[in-house]
Amino acid sequence: MKRYGLGEAMEFPIPQWILVAFGYLLALVMSLRVVMQRREPTATLAWVLGMVLLPYIGVVAYVVFGRRRLVRQVRKRQAQSNLIEPKLEQHLADITNVEHTPLEEMPTREQSVLIQLTSRIGCRRQTRGNRVELLVDADQTYQAMEEAIAEARDHVHFQFYVYNDDDTGRRFRDLLTRKAKEGVAVRVLVDGVGSFGLESFMQPLVAAGGHFASFLPVGKFRRWHPNLRNHRKLVVVDGRVGFTGGVNIGDEYTGRQKRTGAWRDTHLRVEGTATAHLQEIFAEDWHFATGREPSEQGWFPHVSPCGAARVHIVASGPDTDTQPLQRIFFSAVTLAKERVYLTTPYFVPDQAMAVALETAALRGLDVRLLLPHRSDAPLVLYAGRSYYDELLQAGVRIFEYQRGFLHAKTMLVDRQWATVGSANMDVRSFRLNFEVNAMVYGPHLPDQLARVFRRDLRLSREVTLEEVKAKSLTQRAAESFARILSPVL
């Protein structure tokens, strides 16, 4: 090994110095970009440290995973939404103005607060006169959707994040193809990443006169990005019956794949005026994906009251800065008086949501979390478990589901409010993905969800503070590392 004297300069190739200097200059520029985005301080710090410590790797990771917005695409979507909004407003003008029905209960003070808040930040009014049916797991959901589609006379709008090329996917494709041959307008919209490569699979539907499109598809001349994904799952039949929740289209949801076992999921069937807002969300997404505006009168037929449920349909996505779902969930927990039951497959709460849950438990409320014991995203699972310690100390009860994979996304507060939808309790659902949730007021759905929740608890194992404190150093280190990454997951 060569030794250098005091007056002798150490040899180091200039190109390497240039490479190092350029890397840190690039990291500095990108760090300034992250800071200017005004993210949460924890997320900002995580990205800046990553780029400073590992300039090239950190910058590449940020470009691929960290850009919260694809500015051009978001602006394009905003512009297109603004273009068709007047037409949608005209369609919706008379549909959601339903008078008080005899069976409908007047909202409580807490419900009135949530209704007002949701209307202001969710950009849609509450709808009345709805019938809401709870669907537990994929088998019930698929059967209800197939029955509704089979009776379609005007159109079927079918939108999912994941649509698999398997037996379940073929079953729905063939049903939709048959309806297209009967003259029903069939439109299928899938996410370009979650349902990658379905074009040839959907050819029988297109040949029968149906329509198929991908939301921000991955292509040779298109820039791929894992964020800005459309995570919504919704179906609208004839503008009168709608479905939304957590179930996608695939064999794994029925437990036909041994790797994951049965998937525990929850969906809703909605009939009544709320369907118009599900249709509105589909229309915006369809217009963005295809450029075609909703012009047929049949998209928004007049719907008479058919039930007593008050329903808010709330859409969220990276094209808004209000983060409506996060704020609504937070407010619902802070208004709770008796209980909060939360079910989610991906639990990575931000500080505000974690504090809200802890505070509710400290106030003496019955706060329970139902989370998966195993996950298809181990890093997210470990990050979620890093929050167990402080939640348990505050009195929150945590249960891990043991039978199959928990994929349901629900929350109920007292007997006053419940939500079912596509959004997980994590940063990605609140800020990065396009999501849709149904908020239902009144005791009927919360009571139903509470019964299902308690049934699921019997198939779960309660996590204790003692076992959390007894974790090995390796387990704690893995969870702590995952938690550091949680703001950017």
Protein backbone atom coordinates (compact mmCIF):
# COMPACT_ATOMS: atom_id res chain seq x y z
CA MET A 1 0.00 0.00 0.00
CA LYS A 2 1.44 3.36 -0.97
CA ARG A 3 2.07 5.86 1.85
CA TYR A 4 2.02 9.60 1.29
CA GLY A 5 4.34 12.09 2.85
CA LEU A 6 3.36 15.44 4.25
CA GLY A 7 4.12 17.25 1.03
CA GLU A 8 2.81 14.63 -1.29
CA ALA A 9 -0.74 14.90 -2.55
CA MET A 10 -2.91 11.82 -2.46
CA GLU A 11 -3.80 10.68 -5.96
CA PHE A 12 -7.52 10.61 -6.67
CA PRO A 13 -8.95 10.62 -10.18
CA ILE A 14 -10.63 13.90 -11.03
CA PRO A 15 -13.68 12.22 -12.64
CA GLN A 16 -14.53 10.64 -9.28
CA TRP A 17 -14.38 14.03 -7.56
CA ILE A 18 -16.65 15.40 -10.25
CA LEU A 19 -19.05 12.50 -9.78
CA VAL A 20 -19.19 13.03 -6.02
CA ALA A 21 -19.57 16.80 -6.34
CA PHE A 22 -22.31 16.45 -8.95
CA GLY A 23 -24.12 13.94 -6.74
CA TYR A 24 -24.19 16.30 -3.79
CA LEU A 25 -25.17 19.24 -6.01
CA LEU A 26 -28.04 17.17 -7.40
CA ALA A 27 -29.03 16.14 -3.88
CA LEU A 28 -29.01 19.80 -2.80
CA VAL A 29 -31.23 20.87 -5.69
CA MET A 30 -33.69 18.03 -5.12
CA SER A 31 -33.67 18.65 -1.36
CA LEU A 32 -34.68 22.26 -1.98
CA ARG A 33 -37.47 20.97 -4.20
CA VAL A 34 -38.72 18.71 -1.40
CA VAL A 35 -38.57 21.53 1.16
CA MET A 36 -40.53 23.87 -1.13
CA GLN A 37 -43.34 21.32 -1.39
CA ARG A 38 -44.17 21.96 2.29
CA ARG A 39 -44.84 18.36 3.17
CA GLU A 40 -45.06 17.22 6.76
CA PRO A 41 -41.69 17.85 8.49
CA THR A 42 -41.12 14.12 9.08
CA ALA A 43 -41.58 13.28 5.40
CA THR A 44 -39.42 16.20 4.32
CA LEU A 45 -36.65 15.22 6.73
CA ALA A 46 -36.77 11.58 5.62
CA TRP A 47 -36.29 12.48 1.96
CA VAL A 48 -33.63 15.13 2.60
CA LEU A 49 -31.56 12.80 4.81
CA GLY A 50 -31.86 10.01 2.26
CA MET A 51 -30.60 12.21 -0.55
CA VAL A 52 -27.77 13.70 1.52
CA LEU A 53 -26.50 10.37 2.83
CA LEU A 54 -26.91 8.50 -0.47
CA PRO A 55 -27.10 11.20 -3.15
CA TYR A 56 -27.66 9.15 -6.30
CA ILE A 57 -29.75 6.42 -4.69
CA GLY A 58 -31.78 8.96 -2.71
CA VAL A 59 -32.48 11.15 -5.74
CA VAL A 60 -33.50 8.18 -7.91
CA ALA A 61 -35.76 6.87 -5.13
CA TYR A 62 -37.40 10.28 -4.82
CA VAL A 63 -37.95 10.61 -8.57
CA VAL A 64 -39.54 7.15 -8.73
CA PHE A 65 -41.44 7.05 -5.44
CA GLY A 66 -41.43 10.41 -3.74
CA ARG A 67 -42.90 12.96 -6.09
CA ARG A 68 -46.24 13.59 -4.49
CA ARG A 69 -47.66 15.05 -7.65
CA LEU A 70 -47.09 14.62 -11.29
CA VAL A 71 -47.73 18.30 -11.88
CA ARG A 72 -48.59 18.05 -15.55
CA GLN A 73 -51.01 15.16 -15.03
CA VAL A 74 -52.62 16.74 -11.98
CA ARG A 75 -53.14 20.03 -13.78
CA LYS A 76 -54.55 18.17 -16.76
CA ARG A 77 -57.00 16.37 -14.51
CA GLN A 78 -57.99 19.58 -12.75
CA ALA A 79 -58.57 21.30 -16.08
CA GLN A 80 -60.67 18.44 -17.39
CA SER A 81 -62.67 18.25 -14.15
CA ASN A 82 -63.37 21.97 -14.43
CA LEU A 83 -64.46 21.43 -18.03
CA ILE A 84 -67.14 18.86 -17.27
CA GLU A 85 -68.13 20.16 -13.82
CA PRO A 86 -70.86 22.52 -15.14
CA LYS A 87 -72.41 19.66 -17.09
CA LEU A 88 -72.33 17.40 -14.05
CA GLU A 89 -73.81 20.15 -11.87
CA GLN A 90 -76.64 20.52 -14.34
CA HIS A 91 -77.30 16.78 -14.27
CA LEU A 92 -77.19 16.69 -10.47
CA ALA A 93 -79.23 19.84 -9.84
CA ASP A 94 -82.55 18.12 -9.15
CA ILE A 95 -81.41 14.61 -8.30
CA THR A 96 -80.09 15.07 -4.77
CA ASN A 97 -82.78 17.51 -3.55
CA VAL A 98 -84.85 14.85 -1.79
CA GLU A 99 -87.35 15.91 0.84
CA HIS A 100 -87.36 14.42 4.36
CA THR A 101 -88.75 10.87 4.28
CA PRO A 102 -91.04 9.53 7.04
CA LEU A 103 -88.54 6.86 8.13
CA GLU A 104 -85.58 9.23 8.26
CA GLU A 105 -84.26 10.30 11.67
CA MET A 106 -83.16 13.88 12.20
CA PRO A 107 -79.39 14.17 12.63
CA THR A 108 -77.84 14.54 16.06
CA ARG A 109 -75.56 17.45 16.92
CA GLU A 110 -72.45 15.36 16.21
CA GLN A 111 -73.90 14.14 12.91
CA SER A 112 -74.78 17.70 11.92
CA VAL A 113 -71.19 18.77 12.59
CA LEU A 114 -69.85 15.92 10.43
CA ILE A 115 -72.41 16.60 7.69
CA GLN A 116 -71.41 20.26 7.55
CA LEU A 117 -67.69 19.48 7.61
CA THR A 118 -67.97 16.75 4.97
CA SER A 119 -70.04 18.96 2.69
CA ARG A 120 -67.47 21.75 2.91
CA ILE A 121 -64.27 19.77 2.39
CA GLY A 122 -65.71 16.80 0.49
CA CYS A 123 -67.19 19.09 -2.19
CA ARG A 124 -70.46 17.13 -2.29
CA ARG A 125 -73.72 17.50 -0.41
CA GLN A 126 -75.22 14.75 1.69
CA THR A 127 -77.86 12.67 -0.07
CA ARG A 128 -81.06 11.41 1.52
CA GLY A 129 -83.55 8.66 0.83
CA ASN A 130 -80.95 5.91 0.28
CA ARG A 131 -81.01 2.19 0.92
CA VAL A 132 -77.60 0.84 2.02
CA GLU A 133 -76.75 -2.86 2.16
CA LEU A 134 -73.61 -4.20 3.83
CA LEU A 135 -71.77 -6.86 1.81
CA VAL A 136 -69.30 -9.01 3.71
CA ASP A 137 -66.45 -10.54 1.68
CA ALA A 138 -66.06 -11.06 -2.06
CA ASP A 139 -68.65 -13.82 -2.53
CA GLN A 140 -71.53 -11.64 -1.32
CA THR A 141 -70.16 -8.64 -3.21
CA TYR A 142 -69.71 -10.49 -6.50
CA GLN A 143 -73.17 -12.04 -6.29
CA ALA A 144 -74.84 -8.67 -5.64
CA MET A 145 -72.90 -7.00 -8.47
CA GLU A 146 -73.69 -9.81 -10.91
CA GLU A 147 -77.40 -9.61 -10.08
CA ALA A 148 -77.45 -5.85 -10.64
CA ILE A 149 -75.48 -6.10 -13.90
CA ALA A 150 -77.74 -8.87 -15.19
CA GLU A 151 -80.74 -6.53 -14.77
CA ALA A 152 -79.06 -3.53 -16.44
CA ARG A 153 -81.06 -1.89 -19.21
CA ASP A 154 -79.14 1.29 -20.06
CA HIS A 155 -75.51 1.17 -18.87
CA VAL A 156 -72.96 -0.47 -16.59
CA HIS A 157 -69.95 1.49 -15.33
CA PHE A 158 -67.30 -0.77 -13.84
CA GLN A 159 -64.18 0.72 -12.21
CA PHE A 160 -61.50 -1.11 -10.19
CA TYR A 161 -57.92 -0.66 -9.10
CA VAL A 162 -57.13 -4.37 -9.52
CA TYR A 163 -58.83 -6.42 -12.23
CA ASN A 164 -57.06 -9.74 -12.70
CA ASP A 165 -56.85 -11.98 -15.74
CA ASP A 166 -58.13 -15.10 -13.95
CA ASP A 167 -61.35 -17.09 -13.48
CA THR A 168 -63.07 -14.29 -11.55
CA GLY A 169 -61.95 -11.69 -14.08
CA ARG A 170 -63.21 -13.81 -16.97
CA ARG A 171 -66.53 -14.34 -15.19
CA PHE A 172 -67.19 -10.60 -15.04
CA ARG A 173 -65.75 -9.92 -18.48
CA ASP A 174 -68.07 -12.50 -20.02
CA LEU A 175 -71.09 -11.09 -18.17
CA LEU A 176 -70.25 -7.56 -19.25
CA THR A 177 -69.67 -8.77 -22.82
CA ARG A 178 -73.10 -10.39 -22.83
CA LYS A 179 -74.73 -7.16 -21.68
CA ALA A 180 -72.86 -5.21 -24.36
CA LYS A 181 -74.25 -7.59 -26.99
CA GLU A 182 -77.73 -6.89 -25.63
CA GLY A 183 -77.23 -3.19 -26.34
CA VAL A 184 -76.33 -2.04 -22.82
CA ALA A 185 -73.56 0.61 -22.77
CA VAL A 186 -70.68 -1.01 -20.85
CA ARG A 187 -67.66 1.02 -19.74
CA VAL A 188 -64.78 -0.59 -17.85
CA LEU A 189 -62.08 1.59 -16.29
CA VAL A 190 -59.05 0.14 -14.49
CA ASP A 191 -55.88 1.58 -13.04
CA GLY A 192 -52.93 1.41 -15.42
CA VAL A 193 -50.59 -0.06 -12.79
CA GLY A 194 -52.93 -2.08 -10.58
CA SER A 195 -54.43 -3.77 -13.65
CA PHE A 196 -51.48 -3.65 -16.02
CA GLY A 197 -51.73 -5.41 -19.40
CA LEU A 198 -55.50 -6.05 -19.69
CA GLU A 199 -55.97 -4.71 -23.22
CA SER A 200 -55.91 -8.07 -25.00
CA PHE A 201 -57.92 -9.70 -22.21
CA MET A 202 -60.71 -7.15 -22.72
CA GLN A 203 -60.87 -7.55 -26.50
CA PRO A 204 -64.04 -9.72 -26.41
CA LEU A 205 -65.82 -6.91 -24.55
CA VAL A 206 -64.59 -4.26 -26.99
CA ALA A 207 -65.55 -6.45 -29.96
CA ALA A 208 -69.07 -6.70 -28.53
CA GLY A 209 -69.39 -2.92 -28.45
CA GLY A 210 -68.21 -2.28 -24.90
CA HIS A 211 -65.60 0.29 -23.92
CA PHE A 212 -62.38 -0.23 -21.99
CA ALA A 213 -59.83 2.32 -20.70
CA SER A 214 -56.87 2.52 -18.31
CA PHE A 215 -56.22 5.35 -15.87
CA LEU A 216 -52.70 6.69 -16.52
CA PRO A 217 -51.61 3.54 -18.34
CA VAL A 218 -48.04 2.31 -18.50
CA GLY A 219 -46.72 2.45 -22.03
CA LYS A 220 -43.58 2.68 -24.11
CA PHE A 221 -43.80 6.44 -24.50
CA ARG A 222 -45.42 7.19 -21.15
CA ARG A 223 -43.62 7.92 -17.93
CA TRP A 224 -44.48 5.37 -15.25
CA HIS A 225 -44.98 6.48 -11.68
CA PRO A 226 -46.13 4.38 -8.70
CA ASN A 227 -48.01 7.33 -7.23
CA LEU A 228 -51.07 9.10 -8.60
CA ARG A 229 -52.85 5.76 -8.83
CA ASN A 230 -56.61 5.34 -9.01
CA HIS A 231 -57.37 3.06 -6.06
CA ARG A 232 -61.15 3.39 -6.37
CA LYS A 233 -63.55 0.49 -6.65
CA LEU A 234 -67.03 1.39 -7.83
CA VAL A 235 -69.85 0.10 -10.01
CA VAL A 236 -72.88 2.04 -11.22
CA VAL A 237 -75.79 0.30 -12.95
CA ASP A 238 -78.36 2.40 -14.84
CA GLY A 239 -77.59 5.37 -12.60
CA ARG A 240 -79.75 3.82 -9.88
CA VAL A 241 -77.66 1.17 -8.09
CA GLY A 242 -74.07 1.64 -7.01
CA PHE A 243 -71.33 -0.33 -5.27
CA THR A 244 -68.19 0.81 -3.49
CA GLY A 245 -65.79 -0.56 -0.89
CA GLY A 246 -62.60 -2.57 -0.66
CA VAL A 247 -63.18 -5.54 -2.98
CA ASN A 248 -61.31 -5.76 -6.28
CA ILE A 249 -61.80 -8.31 -9.06
CA GLY A 250 -59.65 -11.43 -8.70
CA ASP A 251 -59.45 -15.00 -7.48
CA GLU A 252 -57.47 -14.07 -4.38
CA TYR A 253 -60.43 -12.18 -2.94
CA THR A 254 -62.44 -15.42 -2.79
CA GLY A 255 -59.62 -17.33 -1.11
CA ARG A 256 -58.71 -19.37 -4.16
CA GLN A 257 -55.01 -18.64 -3.79
CA LYS A 258 -53.33 -20.68 -1.06
CA ARG A 259 -50.55 -18.13 -0.59
CA THR A 260 -52.80 -15.60 1.11
CA GLY A 261 -55.87 -17.64 2.00
CA ALA A 262 -59.30 -16.08 2.25
CA TRP A 263 -59.44 -12.29 2.03
CA ARG A 264 -61.65 -10.61 4.62
CA ASP A 265 -63.24 -7.60 2.92
CA THR A 266 -66.25 -5.27 3.06
CA HIS A 267 -68.29 -3.56 0.37
CA LEU A 268 -71.55 -1.56 0.12
CA ARG A 269 -74.52 -1.70 -2.20
CA VAL A 270 -76.15 1.73 -2.41
CA GLU A 271 -79.51 2.44 -3.99
CA GLY A 272 -80.93 5.94 -4.17
CA THR A 273 -79.72 9.47 -4.67
CA ALA A 274 -76.14 8.75 -3.50
CA THR A 275 -75.65 6.75 -6.68
CA ALA A 276 -75.58 10.01 -8.62
CA HIS A 277 -72.39 11.04 -6.82
CA LEU A 278 -70.75 7.68 -7.51
CA GLN A 279 -71.70 8.28 -11.13
CA GLU A 280 -70.19 11.77 -10.97
CA ILE A 281 -66.86 10.35 -9.76
CA PHE A 282 -66.84 7.75 -12.50
CA ALA A 283 -67.66 10.43 -15.09
CA GLU A 284 -64.68 12.54 -14.02
CA ASP A 285 -62.30 9.57 -14.07
CA TRP A 286 -63.66 8.32 -17.40
CA HIS A 287 -63.33 11.77 -18.96
CA PHE A 288 -59.73 12.04 -17.72
CA ALA A 289 -58.84 8.60 -19.09
CA THR A 290 -60.64 8.88 -22.43
CA GLY A 291 -61.43 12.56 -23.06
CA ARG A 292 -65.10 11.66 -23.55
CA GLU A 293 -67.72 13.65 -21.63
CA PRO A 294 -70.90 12.14 -20.19
CA SER A 295 -73.51 13.18 -22.72
CA GLU A 296 -76.20 10.51 -22.41
CA GLN A 297 -79.21 11.55 -20.36
CA GLY A 298 -79.38 8.04 -18.90
CA TRP A 299 -76.24 8.61 -16.82
CA PHE A 300 -78.25 10.67 -14.31
CA PRO A 301 -81.88 9.51 -14.23
CA HIS A 302 -84.34 10.86 -11.69
CA VAL A 303 -84.18 8.59 -8.63
CA SER A 304 -86.97 8.49 -6.06
CA PRO A 305 -86.27 7.95 -2.35
CA CYS A 306 -86.07 4.26 -1.54
CA GLY A 307 -84.75 4.23 2.03
CA ALA A 308 -83.97 6.29 5.09
CA ALA A 309 -80.16 6.51 5.02
CA ARG A 310 -78.26 9.77 4.78
CA VAL A 311 -75.11 9.17 2.71
CA HIS A 312 -72.11 11.27 1.79
CA ILE A 313 -69.93 10.07 -1.09
CA VAL A 314 -66.43 11.51 -0.62
CA ALA A 315 -63.69 11.37 -3.23
CA SER A 316 -60.10 12.29 -2.53
CA GLY A 317 -56.87 12.39 -4.48
CA PRO A 318 -53.64 14.24 -5.19
CA ASP A 319 -55.54 16.78 -7.28
CA THR A 320 -56.70 18.51 -4.09
CA ASP A 321 -54.83 19.99 -1.13
CA THR A 322 -57.67 19.54 1.38
CA GLN A 323 -57.06 15.82 2.07
CA PRO A 324 -60.79 15.37 2.83
CA LEU A 325 -60.71 11.77 4.05
CA GLN A 326 -57.95 12.43 6.56
CA ARG A 327 -59.81 15.43 8.00
CA ILE A 328 -63.16 13.66 8.11
CA PHE A 329 -61.73 10.57 9.84
CA PHE A 330 -59.91 12.75 12.35
CA SER A 331 -63.04 14.77 13.10
CA ALA A 332 -65.19 11.67 13.49
CA VAL A 333 -62.81 10.24 16.10
CA THR A 334 -62.61 13.51 18.03
CA LEU A 335 -66.43 13.73 18.13
CA ALA A 336 -66.87 10.16 19.38
CA LYS A 337 -68.57 9.67 22.77
CA GLU A 338 -68.65 5.89 23.22
CA ARG A 339 -66.65 3.82 20.73
CA VAL A 340 -64.39 3.86 17.70
CA TYR A 341 -63.92 0.59 15.77
CA LEU A 342 -61.38 0.80 12.96
CA THR A 343 -60.52 -1.94 10.45
CA THR A 344 -57.71 -1.42 7.93
CA PRO A 345 -55.14 -3.62 6.16
CA TYR A 346 -52.47 -0.90 6.00
CA PHE A 347 -52.07 1.10 9.20
CA VAL A 348 -49.55 3.95 8.95
CA PRO A 349 -51.25 6.86 10.72
CA ASP A 350 -49.92 10.37 10.63
CA GLN A 351 -49.32 12.09 13.96
CA ALA A 352 -52.73 13.77 14.04
CA MET A 353 -54.63 10.51 13.52
CA ALA A 354 -52.50 8.62 16.04
CA VAL A 355 -53.06 11.34 18.65
CA ALA A 356 -56.81 11.37 17.95
CA LEU A 357 -57.04 7.62 18.58
CA GLU A 358 -54.90 7.83 21.72
CA THR A 359 -56.89 10.80 23.07
CA ALA A 360 -60.18 9.01 22.44
CA ALA A 361 -58.94 6.04 24.48
CA LEU A 362 -57.64 8.31 27.24
CA ARG A 363 -61.11 9.88 27.41
CA GLY A 364 -62.42 6.43 28.34
CA LEU A 365 -63.88 5.46 24.98
CA ASP A 366 -63.86 1.91 23.64
CA VAL A 367 -61.23 2.25 20.89
CA ARG A 368 -60.32 -0.90 19.00
CA LEU A 369 -58.15 -1.47 15.95
CA LEU A 370 -58.49 -4.59 13.79
CA LEU A 371 -55.33 -5.05 11.72
CA PRO A 372 -53.80 -7.91 9.71
CA HIS A 373 -51.47 -10.47 11.23
CA ARG A 374 -49.83 -11.00 7.83
CA SER A 375 -49.63 -8.67 4.88
CA ASP A 376 -48.69 -8.45 1.22
CA ALA A 377 -46.68 -5.35 2.18
CA PRO A 378 -44.32 -6.38 5.05
CA LEU A 379 -42.67 -2.96 5.30
CA VAL A 380 -46.06 -1.33 5.93
CA LEU A 381 -46.94 -4.05 8.44
CA TYR A 382 -43.74 -3.40 10.42
CA ALA A 383 -44.25 0.35 10.26
CA GLY A 384 -47.75 -0.04 11.66
CA ARG A 385 -46.56 -2.22 14.51
CA SER A 386 -44.10 0.48 15.55
CA TYR A 387 -47.13 2.50 16.75
CA TYR A 388 -48.47 -0.26 18.99
CA ASP A 389 -46.52 0.78 22.09
CA GLU A 390 -47.94 4.28 22.51
CA LEU A 391 -51.44 3.25 21.37
CA LEU A 392 -51.63 0.41 23.89
CA GLN A 393 -50.30 2.62 26.68
CA ALA A 394 -53.12 5.08 25.96
CA GLY A 395 -55.70 2.30 26.27
CA VAL A 396 -56.34 1.48 22.60
CA ARG A 397 -57.04 -2.22 22.10
CA ILE A 398 -55.34 -3.80 19.09
CA PHE A 399 -56.31 -7.09 17.45
CA GLU A 400 -54.53 -8.91 14.61
CA TYR A 401 -56.73 -10.96 12.29
CA GLN A 402 -55.56 -14.57 12.05
CA ARG A 403 -57.70 -16.16 9.34
CA GLY A 404 -56.42 -15.16 5.90
CA PHE A 405 -55.65 -11.60 4.87
CA LEU A 406 -57.62 -8.68 6.28
CA HIS A 407 -58.40 -6.22 3.47
CA ALA A 408 -61.53 -4.43 4.76
CA LYS A 409 -61.42 -0.64 5.18
CA THR A 410 -64.12 0.45 7.61
CA MET A 411 -64.63 2.68 10.63
CA LEU A 412 -67.61 3.27 12.88
CA VAL A 413 -68.13 5.89 15.57
CA ASP A 414 -70.79 5.31 18.25
CA ARG A 415 -74.14 4.51 16.60
CA GLN A 416 -73.98 7.71 14.59
CA TRP A 417 -71.55 7.38 11.72
CA ALA A 418 -69.77 4.74 9.66
CA THR A 419 -67.64 4.64 6.56
CA VAL A 420 -66.78 1.93 4.04
CA GLY A 421 -64.58 2.55 1.04
CA SER A 422 -61.28 2.13 -0.73
CA ALA A 423 -59.11 4.26 1.58
CA ASN A 424 -56.65 2.70 3.99
CA MET A 425 -55.49 4.37 7.19
CA ASP A 426 -52.17 5.44 5.72
CA VAL A 427 -50.41 8.35 4.11
CA ARG A 428 -50.73 6.91 0.61
CA SER A 429 -54.53 6.78 0.74
CA PHE A 430 -54.82 10.22 2.31
CA ARG A 431 -52.47 12.06 -0.06
CA LEU A 432 -51.32 10.05 -3.06
CA ASN A 433 -54.08 7.76 -4.37
CA PHE A 434 -57.47 8.59 -5.81
CA GLU A 435 -59.95 7.10 -3.32
CA VAL A 436 -63.69 7.02 -2.67
CA ASN A 437 -65.56 6.33 0.58
CA ALA A 438 -69.22 6.28 1.52
CA MET A 439 -70.07 8.02 4.82
CA VAL A 440 -73.36 6.79 6.27
CA TYR A 441 -75.18 8.53 9.14
CA GLY A 442 -77.57 6.90 11.60
CA PRO A 443 -77.50 3.70 13.68
CA HIS A 444 -78.29 1.08 11.05
CA LEU A 445 -74.91 0.64 9.34
CA PRO A 446 -72.79 1.24 12.49
CA ASP A 447 -74.76 -1.49 14.28
CA GLN A 448 -74.25 -3.89 11.38
CA LEU A 449 -70.55 -3.13 11.18
CA ALA A 450 -70.22 -3.54 14.96
CA ARG A 451 -71.65 -7.06 14.75
CA VAL A 452 -69.28 -7.97 11.92
CA PHE A 453 -66.38 -6.36 13.80
CA ARG A 454 -67.05 -8.43 16.92
CA ARG A 455 -67.29 -11.57 14.81
CA ASP A 456 -63.91 -10.76 13.28
CA LEU A 457 -62.45 -10.25 16.77
CA ARG A 458 -63.24 -13.89 17.54
CA LEU A 459 -60.96 -14.80 14.63
CA SER A 460 -58.23 -12.48 15.87
CA ARG A 461 -55.62 -12.33 18.61
CA GLU A 462 -55.39 -9.36 20.94
CA VAL A 463 -51.97 -7.74 21.19
CA THR A 464 -50.88 -6.90 24.72
CA LEU A 465 -48.51 -4.22 25.96
CA GLU A 466 -46.44 -6.90 27.74
CA GLU A 467 -45.67 -8.77 24.52
CA VAL A 468 -44.86 -5.56 22.69
CA LYS A 469 -42.36 -4.60 25.39
CA ALA A 470 -40.88 -8.12 25.26
CA LYS A 471 -39.97 -7.88 21.57
CA SER A 472 -36.40 -8.64 20.63
CA LEU A 473 -33.97 -5.90 19.72
CA THR A 474 -34.02 -7.14 16.11
CA GLN A 475 -37.82 -6.83 15.91
CA ARG A 476 -37.78 -3.36 17.41
CA ALA A 477 -35.03 -2.24 15.06
CA ALA A 478 -36.91 -3.52 12.00
CA GLU A 479 -40.11 -1.78 13.07
CA SER A 480 -38.30 1.44 13.94
CA PHE A 481 -36.55 1.48 10.57
CA ALA A 482 -39.88 0.90 8.80
CA ARG A 483 -41.41 3.73 10.83
CA ILE A 484 -38.72 6.12 9.65
CA LEU A 485 -39.81 5.32 6.10
CA SER A 486 -43.52 5.52 6.91
CA PRO A 487 -43.92 9.16 5.75
CA VAL A 488 -42.79 8.12 2.26
CA LEU A 489 -44.47 4.72 1.99
